[in-house]
PDB file of N, CA and C in Angstrom:
ATOM      1  N   MET A   1       0.716  -1.498  -0.111  1.00  0.00           N
ATOM      2  CA  MET A   1       0.057  -0.159   0.111  1.00  0.00           C
ATOM      3  C   MET A   1       0.531   1.233  -0.284  1.00  0.00           C
ATOM      4  N   SER A   2       0.374   2.282  -0.455  1.00  0.00           N
ATOM      5  CA  SER A   2       0.810   3.932  -0.905  1.00  0.00           C
ATOM      6  C   SER A   2       1.106   4.556   0.448  1.00  0.00           C
ATOM      7  N   PHE A   3       1.468   5.425   0.769  1.00  0.00           N
ATOM      8  CA  PHE A   3       1.838   6.063   1.612  1.00  0.00           C
ATOM      9  C   PHE A   3       0.692   7.058   1.654  1.00  0.00           C
ATOM     10  N   GLN A   4       0.378   7.277   0.072  1.00  0.00           N
ATOM     11  CA  GLN A   4      -0.822   8.848   0.011  1.00  0.00           C
ATOM     12  C   GLN A   4      -2.084   6.996   0.386  1.00  0.00           C
ATOM     13  N   ALA A   5      -2.403   6.192   0.033  1.00  0.00           N
ATOM     14  CA  ALA A   5      -3.318   5.253   0.416  1.00  0.00           C
ATOM     15  C   ALA A   5      -3.745   5.154   1.651  1.00  0.00           C
ATOM     16  N   TYR A   6      -2.529   5.237   2.479  1.00  0.00           N
ATOM     17  CA  TYR A   6      -2.649   4.889   3.737  1.00  0.00           C
ATOM     18  C   TYR A   6      -2.835   6.271   4.219  1.00  0.00           C
ATOM     19  N   LEU A   7      -3.111   6.847   3.988  1.00  0.00           N
ATOM     20  CA  LEU A   7      -3.853   8.687   4.593  1.00  0.00           C
ATOM     21  C   LEU A   7      -4.934   8.371   3.718  1.00  0.00           C
ATOM     22  N   ASP A   8      -5.474   7.902   2.808  1.00  0.00           N
ATOM     23  CA  ASP A   8      -6.553   7.752   1.849  1.00  0.00           C
ATOM     24  C   ASP A   8      -7.634   6.946   2.600  1.00  0.00           C
ATOM     25  N   ASN A   9      -7.310   5.960   3.079  1.00  0.00           N
ATOM     26  CA  ASN A   9      -7.741   5.095   4.401  1.00  0.00           C
ATOM     27  C   ASN A   9      -8.008   5.789   5.629  1.00  0.00           C
ATOM     28  N   ILE A  10      -7.076   6.284   6.134  1.00  0.00           N
ATOM     29  CA  ILE A  10      -7.233   7.224   7.515  1.00  0.00           C
ATOM     30  C   ILE A  10      -8.680   8.224   7.513  1.00  0.00           C
ATOM     31  N   GLU A  11      -8.741   8.926   5.768  1.00  0.00           N
ATOM     32  CA  GLU A  11      -9.323   9.389   5.750  1.00  0.00           C
ATOM     33  C   GLU A  11     -11.524   9.103   5.843  1.00  0.00           C
ATOM     34  N   GLU A  12     -10.698   7.698   5.573  1.00  0.00           N
ATOM     35  CA  GLU A  12     -11.986   7.268   4.848  1.00  0.00           C
ATOM     36  C   GLU A  12     -13.162   6.175   6.580  1.00  0.00           C
ATOM     37  N   LYS A  13     -11.337   6.513   7.805  1.00  0.00           N
ATOM     38  CA  LYS A  13     -11.998   5.293   8.838  1.00  0.00           C
ATOM     39  C   LYS A  13     -12.474   6.599  10.214  1.00  0.00           C
ATOM     40  N   THR A  14     -11.868   7.947   9.518  1.00  0.00           N
ATOM     41  CA  THR A  14     -11.926   8.996  11.329  1.00  0.00           C
ATOM     42  C   THR A  14     -12.822  10.016  10.501  1.00  0.00           C
ATOM     43  N   GLY A  15     -12.866  10.310   9.410  1.00  0.00           N
ATOM     44  CA  GLY A  15     -13.208  11.226   8.281  1.00  0.00           C
ATOM     45  C   GLY A  15     -12.967  12.700   8.173  1.00  0.00           C
ATOM     46  N   LYS A  16     -11.352  12.632   8.213  1.00  0.00           N
ATOM     47  CA  LYS A  16     -10.713  13.839   8.523  1.00  0.00           C
ATOM     48  C   LYS A  16      -9.822  13.340   7.512  1.00  0.00           C
ATOM     49  N   THR A  17      -8.992  15.167   7.100  1.00  0.00           N
ATOM     50  CA  THR A  17      -8.061  14.855   6.134  1.00  0.00           C
ATOM     51  C   THR A  17      -7.009  14.695   6.726  1.00  0.00           C
ATOM     52  N   PRO A  18      -5.988  14.866   5.892  1.00  0.00           N
ATOM     53  CA  PRO A  18      -4.412  14.944   7.321  1.00  0.00           C
ATOM     54  C   PRO A  18      -3.954  16.896   6.930  1.00  0.00           C
ATOM     55  N   LYS A  19      -4.716  17.392   6.583  1.00  0.00           N
ATOM     56  CA  LYS A  19      -4.902  18.975   6.866  1.00  0.00           C
ATOM     57  C   LYS A  19      -5.376  18.542   8.052  1.00  0.00           C
ATOM     58  N   GLN A  20      -6.651  17.904   9.007  1.00  0.00           N
ATOM     59  CA  GLN A  20      -7.381  18.746   9.923  1.00  0.00           C
ATOM     60  C   GLN A  20      -6.508  18.302  11.301  1.00  0.00           C
ATOM     61  N   PHE A  21      -5.988  16.362  10.332  1.00  0.00           N
ATOM     62  CA  PHE A  21      -5.152  16.543  11.640  1.00  0.00           C
ATOM     63  C   PHE A  21      -3.924  17.214  12.423  1.00  0.00           C
ATOM     64  N   ILE A  22      -2.967  17.478  11.288  1.00  0.00           N
ATOM     65  CA  ILE A  22      -1.910  18.759  11.960  1.00  0.00           C
ATOM     66  C   ILE A  22      -2.890  19.604  12.332  1.00  0.00           C
ATOM     67  N   ALA A  23      -4.077  20.429  11.776  1.00  0.00           N
ATOM     68  CA  ALA A  23      -4.806  21.967  12.456  1.00  0.00           C
ATOM     69  C   ALA A  23      -4.393  21.100  13.884  1.00  0.00           C
ATOM     70  N   GLU A  24      -5.403  19.743  14.353  1.00  0.00           N
ATOM     71  CA  GLU A  24      -6.307  20.002  15.589  1.00  0.00           C
ATOM     72  C   GLU A  24      -5.151  19.198  16.359  1.00  0.00           C
ATOM     73  N   ALA A  25      -3.194  18.731  15.878  1.00  0.00           N
ATOM     74  CA  ALA A  25      -2.268  18.958  16.461  1.00  0.00           C
ATOM     75  C   ALA A  25      -1.965  20.077  17.092  1.00  0.00           C
ATOM     76  N   ARG A  26      -1.718  21.286  16.531  1.00  0.00           N
ATOM     77  CA  ARG A  26      -1.359  21.993  16.560  1.00  0.00           C
ATOM     78  C   ARG A  26      -1.845  22.866  17.754  1.00  0.00           C
ATOM     79  N   LYS A  27      -3.442  22.416  17.484  1.00  0.00           N
ATOM     80  CA  LYS A  27      -3.982  23.329  18.556  1.00  0.00           C
ATOM     81  C   LYS A  27      -4.219  22.653  19.968  1.00  0.00           C
ATOM     82  N   LEU A  28      -3.594  21.117  20.246  1.00  0.00           N
ATOM     83  CA  LEU A  28      -3.684  20.487  21.074  1.00  0.00           C
ATOM     84  C   LEU A  28      -1.697  21.322  21.460  1.00  0.00           C
ATOM     85  N   LYS A  29      -1.497  21.287  20.743  1.00  0.00           N
ATOM     86  CA  LYS A  29       0.149  22.020  21.144  1.00  0.00           C
ATOM     87  C   LYS A  29       1.001  20.158  21.116  1.00  0.00           C
ATOM     88  N   ILE A  30       0.142  19.796  20.544  1.00  0.00           N
ATOM     89  CA  ILE A  30       0.766  18.032  20.676  1.00  0.00           C
ATOM     90  C   ILE A  30       2.270  18.131  18.755  1.00  0.00           C
ATOM     91  N   THR A  31       3.639  18.212  19.398  1.00  0.00           N
ATOM     92  CA  THR A  31       4.528  18.115  18.391  1.00  0.00           C
ATOM     93  C   THR A  31       5.642  16.546  18.456  1.00  0.00           C
ATOM     94  N   GLU A  32       5.891  16.437  19.699  1.00  0.00           N
ATOM     95  CA  GLU A  32       6.772  14.533  19.877  1.00  0.00           C
ATOM     96  C   GLU A  32       5.787  14.223  19.190  1.00  0.00           C
ATOM     97  N   PHE A  33       6.265  13.406  18.949  1.00  0.00           N
ATOM     98  CA  PHE A  33       6.103  12.361  17.650  1.00  0.00           C
ATOM     99  C   PHE A  33       5.738  10.840  18.890  1.00  0.00           C
ATOM    100  N   LYS A  34       6.043   9.899  19.134  1.00  0.00           N
ATOM    101  CA  LYS A  34       5.180   9.017  20.155  1.00  0.00           C
ATOM    102  C   LYS A  34       4.136  10.097  20.869  1.00  0.00           C
ATOM    103  N   ASP A  35       4.229  10.934  21.090  1.00  0.00           N
ATOM    104  CA  ASP A  35       2.876  11.802  22.212  1.00  0.00           C
ATOM    105  C   ASP A  35       1.959  11.625  21.262  1.00  0.00           C
ATOM    106  N   ILE A  36       2.068  12.114  19.668  1.00  0.00           N
ATOM    107  CA  ILE A  36       1.340  12.411  18.438  1.00  0.00           C
ATOM    108  C   ILE A  36       0.868  10.660  17.592  1.00  0.00           C
ATOM    109  N   ILE A  37       1.263   9.918  18.525  1.00  0.00           N
ATOM    110  CA  ILE A  37       0.658   8.487  17.945  1.00  0.00           C
ATOM    111  C   ILE A  37       0.114   7.898  19.354  1.00  0.00           C
ATOM    112  N   VAL A  38       0.138   8.563  21.230  1.00  0.00           N
ATOM    113  CA  VAL A  38      -0.565   7.717  21.589  1.00  0.00           C
ATOM    114  C   VAL A  38      -2.625   8.505  21.379  1.00  0.00           C
ATOM    115  N   TRP A  39      -2.073  10.432  20.715  1.00  0.00           N
ATOM    116  CA  TRP A  39      -3.616  10.423  20.845  1.00  0.00           C
ATOM    117  C   TRP A  39      -3.655   9.716  19.838  1.00  0.00           C
ATOM    118  N   LEU A  40      -3.293   9.635  18.331  1.00  0.00           N
ATOM    119  CA  LEU A  40      -3.976   8.639  17.752  1.00  0.00           C
ATOM    120  C   LEU A  40      -4.896   7.649  18.006  1.00  0.00           C
ATOM    121  N   LYS A  41      -4.092   7.493  18.510  1.00  0.00           N
ATOM    122  CA  LYS A  41      -4.106   5.726  18.255  1.00  0.00           C
ATOM    123  C   LYS A  41      -5.841   5.673  19.674  1.00  0.00           C
ATOM    124  N   ARG A  42      -5.559   7.444  21.174  1.00  0.00           N
ATOM    125  CA  ARG A  42      -6.551   7.309  22.221  1.00  0.00           C
ATOM    126  C   ARG A  42      -7.875   7.835  21.451  1.00  0.00           C
ATOM    127  N   ASP A  43      -7.657   8.394  20.707  1.00  0.00           N
ATOM    128  CA  ASP A  43      -8.380   9.414  19.833  1.00  0.00           C
ATOM    129  C   ASP A  43      -9.043   8.581  19.306  1.00  0.00           C
ATOM    130  N   TYR A  44      -8.608   8.426  18.322  1.00  0.00           N
ATOM    131  CA  TYR A  44      -8.646   7.925  16.665  1.00  0.00           C
ATOM    132  C   TYR A  44      -8.414   6.586  16.162  1.00  0.00           C
ATOM    133  N   ASP A  45      -8.371   5.661  17.277  1.00  0.00           N
ATOM    134  CA  ASP A  45      -8.082   4.352  16.893  1.00  0.00           C
ATOM    135  C   ASP A  45      -7.835   4.125  16.104  1.00  0.00           C
ATOM    136  N   LEU A  46      -6.560   4.427  15.997  1.00  0.00           N
ATOM    137  CA  LEU A  46      -5.591   4.106  14.349  1.00  0.00           C
ATOM    138  C   LEU A  46      -4.843   2.821  15.195  1.00  0.00           C
ATOM    139  N   GLY A  47      -4.798   2.127  14.315  1.00  0.00           N
ATOM    140  CA  GLY A  47      -3.658   1.352  14.378  1.00  0.00           C
ATOM    141  C   GLY A  47      -2.118   2.044  14.153  1.00  0.00           C
ATOM    142  N   THR A  48      -0.667   1.296  14.634  1.00  0.00           N
ATOM    143  CA  THR A  48       0.610   2.245  14.659  1.00  0.00           C
ATOM    144  C   THR A  48       0.631   2.124  13.340  1.00  0.00           C
ATOM    145  N   GLY A  49       0.045   1.804  12.383  1.00  0.00           N
ATOM    146  CA  GLY A  49       0.548   1.576  10.426  1.00  0.00           C
ATOM    147  C   GLY A  49       0.375   3.281  10.686  1.00  0.00           C
ATOM    148  N   HIS A  50      -1.058   3.175  10.420  1.00  0.00           N
ATOM    149  CA  HIS A  50      -1.827   4.535  10.786  1.00  0.00           C
ATOM    150  C   HIS A  50      -1.514   5.862  11.241  1.00  0.00           C
ATOM    151  N   ALA A  51      -1.155   5.071  12.826  1.00  0.00           N
ATOM    152  CA  ALA A  51      -0.396   6.509  13.932  1.00  0.00           C
ATOM    153  C   ALA A  51       0.404   7.371  12.919  1.00  0.00           C
ATOM    154  N   ARG A  52       0.952   6.072  12.772  1.00  0.00           N
ATOM    155  CA  ARG A  52       2.801   6.385  12.527  1.00  0.00           C
ATOM    156  C   ARG A  52       3.114   7.557  10.785  1.00  0.00           C
ATOM    157  N   ALA A  53       1.650   7.628   9.956  1.00  0.00           N
ATOM    158  CA  ALA A  53       1.880   8.299   8.765  1.00  0.00           C
ATOM    159  C   ALA A  53       1.235   9.136   9.461  1.00  0.00           C
ATOM    160  N   ILE A  54       0.385   9.049  10.570  1.00  0.00           N
ATOM    161  CA  ILE A  54      -0.412  10.383  10.015  1.00  0.00           C
ATOM    162  C   ILE A  54       0.863  11.478  10.820  1.00  0.00           C
ATOM    163  N   ALA A  55       1.610  10.935  11.613  1.00  0.00           N
ATOM    164  CA  ALA A  55       1.945  11.486  12.032  1.00  0.00           C
ATOM    165  C   ALA A  55       3.161  12.549  12.112  1.00  0.00           C
ATOM    166  N   TYR A  56       3.489  11.389  10.438  1.00  0.00           N
ATOM    167  CA  TYR A  56       4.944  11.683  10.073  1.00  0.00           C
ATOM    168  C   TYR A  56       4.321  13.090   9.014  1.00  0.00           C
ATOM    169  N   VAL A  57       3.455  13.114   8.820  1.00  0.00           N
ATOM    170  CA  VAL A  57       3.056  14.475   7.783  1.00  0.00           C
ATOM    171  C   VAL A  57       2.570  15.874   9.035  1.00  0.00           C
ATOM    172  N   ILE A  58       2.407  15.195  10.175  1.00  0.00           N
ATOM    173  CA  ILE A  58       2.278  16.339  11.206  1.00  0.00           C
ATOM    174  C   ILE A  58       3.756  16.891  11.309  1.00  0.00           C
ATOM    175  N   ARG A  59       4.287  16.313  11.410  1.00  0.00           N
ATOM    176  CA  ARG A  59       6.014  17.167  12.005  1.00  0.00           C
ATOM    177  C   ARG A  59       6.569  17.066  10.480  1.00  0.00           C
ATOM    178  N   ASN A  60       6.514  16.657   9.313  1.00  0.00           N
ATOM    179  CA  ASN A  60       7.512  16.452   8.070  1.00  0.00           C
ATOM    180  C   ASN A  60       6.234  16.859   7.109  1.00  0.00           C
ATOM    181  N   GLY A  61       5.338  17.263   7.012  1.00  0.00           N
ATOM    182  CA  GLY A  61       3.858  18.390   5.621  1.00  0.00           C
ATOM    183  C   GLY A  61       4.375  17.258   4.408  1.00  0.00           C
ATOM    184  N   ALA A  62       4.337  17.333   3.118  1.00  0.00           N
ATOM    185  CA  ALA A  62       3.983  16.235   2.424  1.00  0.00           C
ATOM    186  C   ALA A  62       4.618  16.085   1.705  1.00  0.00           C
ATOM    187  N   GLU A  63       5.715  16.499   1.862  1.00  0.00           N
ATOM    188  CA  GLU A  63       7.032  15.760   0.987  1.00  0.00           C
ATOM    189  C   GLU A  63       7.540  15.008   1.515  1.00  0.00           C
ATOM    190  N   PHE A  64       7.656  13.758   1.355  1.00  0.00           N
ATOM    191  CA  PHE A  64       8.972  13.134   1.714  1.00  0.00           C
ATOM    192  C   PHE A  64       9.662  12.225  -0.155  1.00  0.00           C
ATOM    193  N   GLU A  65      10.398  11.097   1.113  1.00  0.00           N
ATOM    194  CA  GLU A  65      11.339  10.755  -0.038  1.00  0.00           C
ATOM    195  C   GLU A  65      10.875   9.581  -0.784  1.00  0.00           C
ATOM    196  N   LEU A  66      10.742   9.759  -1.796  1.00  0.00           N
ATOM    197  CA  LEU A  66      10.548   8.411  -3.191  1.00  0.00           C
ATOM    198  C   LEU A  66      11.251   7.439  -3.094  1.00  0.00           C
ATOM    199  N   LYS A  67      10.551   6.204  -2.544  1.00  0.00           N
ATOM    200  CA  LYS A  67      11.635   4.707  -1.759  1.00  0.00           C
ATOM    201  C   LYS A  67      10.709   3.798  -2.998  1.00  0.00           C
ATOM    202  N   HIS A  68       9.465   3.769  -3.170  1.00  0.00           N
ATOM    203  CA  HIS A  68       9.515   2.490  -4.007  1.00  0.00           C
ATOM    204  C   HIS A  68       8.667   3.201  -5.457  1.00  0.00           C
ATOM    205  N   THR A  69       9.183   3.019  -6.071  1.00  0.00           N
ATOM    206  CA  THR A  69       8.558   3.761  -8.265  1.00  0.00           C
ATOM    207  C   THR A  69       8.004   2.017  -8.440  1.00  0.00           C
ATOM    208  N   THR A  70       8.176   1.398  -8.358  1.00  0.00           N
ATOM    209  CA  THR A  70       6.985   0.246  -8.257  1.00  0.00           C
ATOM    210  C   THR A  70       6.229  -0.291  -7.779  1.00  0.00           C
ATOM    211  N   GLY A  71       5.858  -1.144  -8.147  1.00  0.00           N
ATOM    212  CA  GLY A  71       5.086  -2.392  -7.247  1.00  0.00           C
ATOM    213  C   GLY A  71       3.429  -1.672  -7.295  1.00  0.00           C
ATOM    214  N   VAL A  72       2.814  -2.352  -5.752  1.00  0.00           N
ATOM    215  CA  VAL A  72       2.174  -1.681  -4.697  1.00  0.00           C
ATOM    216  C   VAL A  72       2.617  -0.555  -3.219  1.00  0.00           C
ATOM    217  N   HIS A  73       3.583  -1.078  -3.910  1.00  0.00           N
ATOM    218  CA  HIS A  73       4.242   0.177  -2.193  1.00  0.00           C
ATOM    219  C   HIS A  73       3.616   2.088  -2.921  1.00  0.00           C
ATOM    220  N   ARG A  74       3.888   1.919  -4.217  1.00  0.00           N
ATOM    221  CA  ARG A  74       4.627   3.099  -4.956  1.00  0.00           C
ATOM    222  C   ARG A  74       4.319   4.100  -4.602  1.00  0.00           C
ATOM    223  N   ASP A  75       4.010   5.299  -5.121  1.00  0.00           N
ATOM    224  CA  ASP A  75       3.451   6.531  -4.818  1.00  0.00           C
ATOM    225  C   ASP A  75       3.633   7.378  -6.192  1.00  0.00           C
ATOM    226  N   ALA A  76       2.864   8.657  -6.627  1.00  0.00           N
ATOM    227  CA  ALA A  76       3.067   8.537  -8.011  1.00  0.00           C
ATOM    228  C   ALA A  76       3.891   9.703  -8.029  1.00  0.00           C
ATOM    229  N   SER A  77       4.126  10.252  -6.457  1.00  0.00           N
ATOM    230  CA  SER A  77       5.389  11.390  -7.067  1.00  0.00           C
ATOM    231  C   SER A  77       5.653  10.928  -5.083  1.00  0.00           C
ATOM    232  N   GLY A  78       6.328  12.071  -5.217  1.00  0.00           N
ATOM    233  CA  GLY A  78       7.177  12.340  -2.816  1.00  0.00           C
ATOM    234  C   GLY A  78       6.620  13.818  -2.715  1.00  0.00           C
ATOM    235  N   THR A  79       5.460  13.753  -3.238  1.00  0.00           N
ATOM    236  CA  THR A  79       4.429  14.663  -2.718  1.00  0.00           C
ATOM    237  C   THR A  79       3.510  14.047  -2.520  1.00  0.00           C
ATOM    238  N   LEU A  80       2.469  14.646  -1.149  1.00  0.00           N
ATOM    239  CA  LEU A  80       1.081  13.525  -0.975  1.00  0.00           C
ATOM    240  C   LEU A  80       0.461  14.659  -0.728  1.00  0.00           C
ATOM    241  N   ASN A  81      -1.002  14.014  -1.147  1.00  0.00           N
ATOM    242  CA  ASN A  81      -2.098  15.320  -1.655  1.00  0.00           C
ATOM    243  C   ASN A  81      -3.102  15.164   0.465  1.00  0.00           C
ATOM    244  N   LEU A  82      -2.610  16.436   0.900  1.00  0.00           N
ATOM    245  CA  LEU A  82      -2.506  16.596   3.083  1.00  0.00           C
ATOM    246  C   LEU A  82      -4.553  16.924   2.797  1.00  0.00           C
ATOM    247  N   ALA A  83      -5.127  17.190   2.040  1.00  0.00           N
ATOM    248  CA  ALA A  83      -6.326  17.834   1.597  1.00  0.00           C
ATOM    249  C   ALA A  83      -7.690  16.841   1.693  1.00  0.00           C
ATOM    250  N   GLY A  84      -7.232  16.125   1.071  1.00  0.00           N
ATOM    251  CA  GLY A  84      -8.377  14.615   0.803  1.00  0.00           C
ATOM    252  C   GLY A  84      -8.664  14.293  -0.104  1.00  0.00           C
ATOM    253  N   LYS A  85      -9.180  13.463   0.240  1.00  0.00           N
ATOM    254  CA  LYS A  85      -9.156  12.350  -1.545  1.00  0.00           C
ATOM    255  C   LYS A  85     -10.791  13.140  -1.776  1.00  0.00           C
ATOM    256  N   ALA A  86     -11.985  14.108  -1.229  1.00  0.00           N
ATOM    257  CA  ALA A  86     -12.515  14.657  -2.414  1.00  0.00           C
ATOM    258  C   ALA A  86     -11.879  16.117  -3.477  1.00  0.00           C
ATOM    259  N   LYS A  87     -10.084  16.330  -3.166  1.00  0.00           N
ATOM    260  CA  LYS A  87      -9.788  17.172  -2.764  1.00  0.00           C
ATOM    261  C   LYS A  87      -8.333  16.968  -4.562  1.00  0.00           C
ATOM    262  N   LYS A  88      -8.430  15.655  -4.613  1.00  0.00           N
ATOM    263  CA  LYS A  88      -7.779  15.404  -5.083  1.00  0.00           C
ATOM    264  C   LYS A  88      -8.035  15.319  -7.397  1.00  0.00           C
ATOM    265  N   LYS A  89      -7.864  15.761  -7.832  1.00  0.00           N
ATOM    266  CA  LYS A  89      -6.887  15.782  -9.605  1.00  0.00           C
ATOM    267  C   LYS A  89      -8.183  15.067  -9.537  1.00  0.00           C
ATOM    268  N   LYS A  90      -9.224  14.641 -10.399  1.00  0.00           N
ATOM    269  CA  LYS A  90      -9.539  13.872 -11.345  1.00  0.00           C
ATOM    270  C   LYS A  90      -8.967  14.384 -13.039  1.00  0.00           C
ATOM    271  N   PRO A  91      -8.420  12.816 -13.396  1.00  0.00           N
ATOM    272  CA  PRO A  91      -7.876  12.248 -14.503  1.00  0.00           C
ATOM    273  C   PRO A  91      -8.633  13.210 -15.571  1.00  0.00           C
ATOM    274  N   VAL A  92      -8.415  13.753 -16.909  1.00  0.00           N
ATOM    275  CA  VAL A  92      -9.393  14.624 -17.280  1.00  0.00           C
ATOM    276  C   VAL A  92      -9.495  12.945 -18.417  1.00  0.00           C
ATOM    277  N   ALA A  93     -10.907  13.006 -19.370  1.00  0.00           N
ATOM    278  CA  ALA A  93     -11.054  11.422 -19.532  1.00  0.00           C
ATOM    279  C   ALA A  93     -11.251  12.000 -21.232  1.00  0.00           C
ATOM    280  N   LYS A  94     -10.383  10.896 -21.838  1.00  0.00           N
ATOM    281  CA  LYS A  94     -10.160  10.843 -23.169  1.00  0.00           C
ATOM    282  C   LYS A  94     -11.211  11.076 -24.345  1.00  0.00           C
ATOM    283  N   LYS A  95     -11.204  12.219 -25.087  1.00  0.00           N
ATOM    284  CA  LYS A  95     -12.949  12.010 -26.534  1.00  0.00           C
ATOM    285  C   LYS A  95     -12.871  11.549 -27.187  1.00  0.00           C
ATOM    286  N   THR A  96     -13.449  10.192 -27.193  1.00  0.00           N
ATOM    287  CA  THR A  96     -14.220   9.334 -28.153  1.00  0.00           C
ATOM    288  C   THR A  96     -14.509   9.856 -29.604  1.00  0.00           C
ATOM    289  N   VAL A  97     -14.005   9.943 -30.854  1.00  0.00           N
ATOM    290  CA  VAL A  97     -14.767  10.145 -31.684  1.00  0.00           C
ATOM    291  C   VAL A  97     -15.299   8.990 -31.837  1.00  0.00           C
ATOM    292  N   LYS A  98     -16.572   8.987 -33.044  1.00  0.00           N
ATOM    293  CA  LYS A  98     -16.431   7.564 -32.884  1.00  0.00           C
ATOM    294  C   LYS A  98     -16.557   7.467 -34.929  1.00  0.00           C
ATOM    295  N   LYS A  99     -16.510   6.401 -35.440  1.00  0.00           N
ATOM    296  CA  LYS A  99     -15.903   5.675 -36.698  1.00  0.00           C
ATOM    297  C   LYS A  99     -17.506   5.730 -37.153  1.00  0.00           C
ATOM    298  N   LYS A 100     -17.581   6.805 -38.219  1.00  0.00           N
ATOM    299  CA  LYS A 100     -18.880   6.060 -39.532  1.00  0.00           C
ATOM    300  C   LYS A 100     -18.910   4.751 -40.486  1.00  0.00           C
TER     301      LYS A 100
END
């Protein structure tokens, strides 16, 4: 599963986008990695992997080192969409020309 897919699954489970988690962590003044993990597990019932993904973006933002360029763990780029699934750009559909 790609990093972006982790974030998308978290949004489906919690109803919160990564940007909303970032804003909430700032409001609560939670900055330490271990404290973020505890908070996410306790308040949102996230597992360790999902909590770590959100903790990463809270501490580091959208940019990450792209390590997987092929296979199921690949991401399209080293930049994550933090605005949520609804804010993703949809691919432009190709127009088809009917042949007579």
